[in-house]
Amino acid sequence: QVQLVESGGGLVQAGGSLRLSCIASGVTRNIKVKAWYRQAPGKQRELVAEIIRGGTTDYADFVKGRFTISRDNAKDTMYLQMNSLKPEDTAVYYCYAKDTLFARVYWGQGTQVTVSS
């Protein structure tokens, strides 16, 4: 089992920045893919960015150039640096991890990000 705990959410004005963190614990050696998703009220959960253990990253078009995903494998921690935030970035942000050996996925409890105009 793997536990994921997010932190770093909050209220920020448009144009501001936040840095989210996701700490993983448990049996993490098989975790190859980590990602950030978000879900706004009344909308489906959507992928924001993902990172593979080797460092390859991918971003949704709506965050390219503004958000940066990174991971510290030694600390089992993943980050999402969010710059130039917009009101439409308001959502609950979830940490995601995939155990590729046993084909299991894990989710954190979510952290609220609110961007005021």
Protein backbone atom coordinates (compact mmCIF):
# COMPACT_ATOMS: atom_id res chain seq x y z
CA GLN A 1 0.00 0.00 0.00
CA VAL A 2 1.00 3.56 -0.68
CA GLN A 3 -0.25 6.66 1.10
CA LEU A 4 -0.14 10.09 -0.55
CA VAL A 5 -0.46 13.35 1.36
CA GLU A 6 -0.72 16.69 -0.40
CA SER A 7 0.02 20.10 1.03
CA GLY A 8 0.55 23.65 -0.15
CA GLY A 9 -2.88 24.65 -1.34
CA GLY A 10 -4.50 27.91 -0.39
CA LEU A 11 -5.95 31.20 -1.55
CA VAL A 12 -3.96 33.37 -3.93
CA GLN A 13 -4.66 36.32 -6.18
CA ALA A 14 -4.60 35.98 -9.94
CA GLY A 15 -1.03 36.16 -11.21
CA GLY A 16 0.33 34.70 -8.02
CA SER A 17 2.14 31.44 -7.31
CA LEU A 18 1.74 28.35 -5.17
CA ARG A 19 3.82 25.24 -4.70
CA LEU A 20 2.09 21.95 -4.00
CA SER A 21 3.84 18.99 -2.44
CA CYS A 22 2.91 15.32 -2.33
CA ILE A 23 4.70 13.00 0.06
CA ALA A 24 4.44 9.27 -0.53
CA SER A 25 4.86 6.61 2.12
CA GLY A 26 4.55 2.85 2.24
CA VAL A 27 5.77 0.50 -0.47
CA THR A 28 6.87 3.05 -3.05
CA ARG A 29 9.64 1.22 -4.90
CA ASN A 30 7.31 0.21 -7.75
CA ILE A 31 5.87 3.67 -8.28
CA LYS A 32 6.97 4.74 -11.77
CA VAL A 33 4.36 7.32 -12.70
CA LYS A 34 3.24 10.24 -10.58
CA ALA A 35 0.88 12.97 -11.57
CA TRP A 36 -1.26 15.88 -10.47
CA TYR A 37 -4.94 15.98 -11.31
CA ARG A 38 -7.51 18.60 -10.48
CA GLN A 39 -11.27 18.78 -10.18
CA ALA A 40 -13.29 21.96 -10.21
CA PRO A 41 -16.89 22.07 -8.92
CA GLY A 42 -19.25 20.48 -11.40
CA LYS A 43 -16.44 19.30 -13.65
CA GLN A 44 -14.65 16.03 -14.23
CA ARG A 45 -11.26 15.33 -12.77
CA GLU A 46 -8.56 16.21 -15.30
CA LEU A 47 -4.86 15.56 -15.69
CA VAL A 48 -2.65 18.57 -15.02
CA ALA A 49 0.85 17.12 -15.32
CA GLU A 50 2.65 13.82 -14.98
CA ILE A 51 6.22 12.73 -14.40
CA ILE A 52 7.88 9.40 -14.98
CA ARG A 53 10.56 8.12 -12.62
CA GLY A 54 13.31 8.84 -15.15
CA GLY A 55 12.22 12.47 -15.28
CA THR A 56 10.09 12.65 -18.43
CA THR A 57 7.26 15.11 -17.97
CA ASP A 58 4.03 15.93 -19.75
CA TYR A 59 1.58 18.78 -19.25
CA ALA A 60 -1.96 19.61 -20.12
CA ASP A 61 -2.11 22.42 -22.66
CA PHE A 62 -3.87 24.73 -20.24
CA VAL A 63 -0.86 24.78 -17.86
CA LYS A 64 2.07 24.62 -20.27
CA GLY A 65 4.53 27.42 -19.58
CA ARG A 66 2.98 28.17 -16.17
CA PHE A 67 3.25 24.98 -14.10
CA THR A 68 6.28 22.78 -13.46
CA ILE A 69 6.15 19.25 -12.09
CA SER A 70 9.16 17.71 -10.38
CA ARG A 71 9.99 14.84 -8.07
CA ASP A 72 12.64 14.04 -5.50
CA ASN A 73 12.88 10.24 -5.54
CA ALA A 74 15.14 10.17 -2.49
CA LYS A 75 12.42 11.94 -0.48
CA ASP A 76 9.48 10.25 -2.21
CA THR A 77 8.10 13.71 -2.81
CA MET A 78 6.53 15.28 -5.86
CA TYR A 79 5.99 18.98 -6.42
CA LEU A 80 3.88 21.22 -8.60
CA GLN A 81 5.12 24.77 -8.96
CA MET A 82 2.21 26.88 -10.18
CA ASN A 83 2.94 30.36 -11.51
CA SER A 84 0.78 32.97 -13.22
CA LEU A 85 -2.31 31.45 -11.62
CA LYS A 86 -5.71 32.21 -13.10
CA PRO A 87 -9.17 32.06 -11.53
CA GLU A 88 -9.93 29.08 -13.77
CA ASP A 89 -7.15 27.16 -12.00
CA THR A 90 -9.37 27.04 -8.93
CA ALA A 91 -9.93 23.39 -8.05
CA VAL A 92 -9.06 20.61 -5.68
CA TYR A 93 -5.67 19.27 -6.71
CA TYR A 94 -4.99 15.57 -6.26
CA CYS A 95 -1.76 13.64 -6.16
CA TYR A 96 -1.74 10.38 -8.14
CA ALA A 97 0.71 7.50 -8.21
CA LYS A 98 0.77 4.33 -10.28
CA ASP A 99 2.39 1.10 -9.23
CA THR A 100 3.34 -0.32 -12.60
CA LEU A 101 4.31 -3.74 -11.23
CA PHE A 102 0.94 -4.52 -9.68
CA ALA A 103 -1.12 -2.14 -11.82
CA ARG A 104 -2.49 -0.26 -8.82
CA VAL A 105 -3.21 3.44 -8.58
CA TYR A 106 -3.30 5.62 -5.51
CA TRP A 107 -4.82 9.02 -4.80
CA GLY A 108 -4.20 11.62 -2.17
CA GLN A 109 -7.00 13.33 -0.28
CA GLY A 110 -6.67 16.55 -2.30
CA THR A 111 -5.70 20.11 -1.50
CA GLN A 112 -7.84 23.14 -2.36
CA VAL A 113 -6.40 25.85 -4.58
CA THR A 114 -8.46 29.02 -4.92
CA VAL A 115 -7.43 31.84 -7.22
CA SER A 116 -9.25 35.14 -6.78
CA SER A 117 -9.66 37.66 -9.57
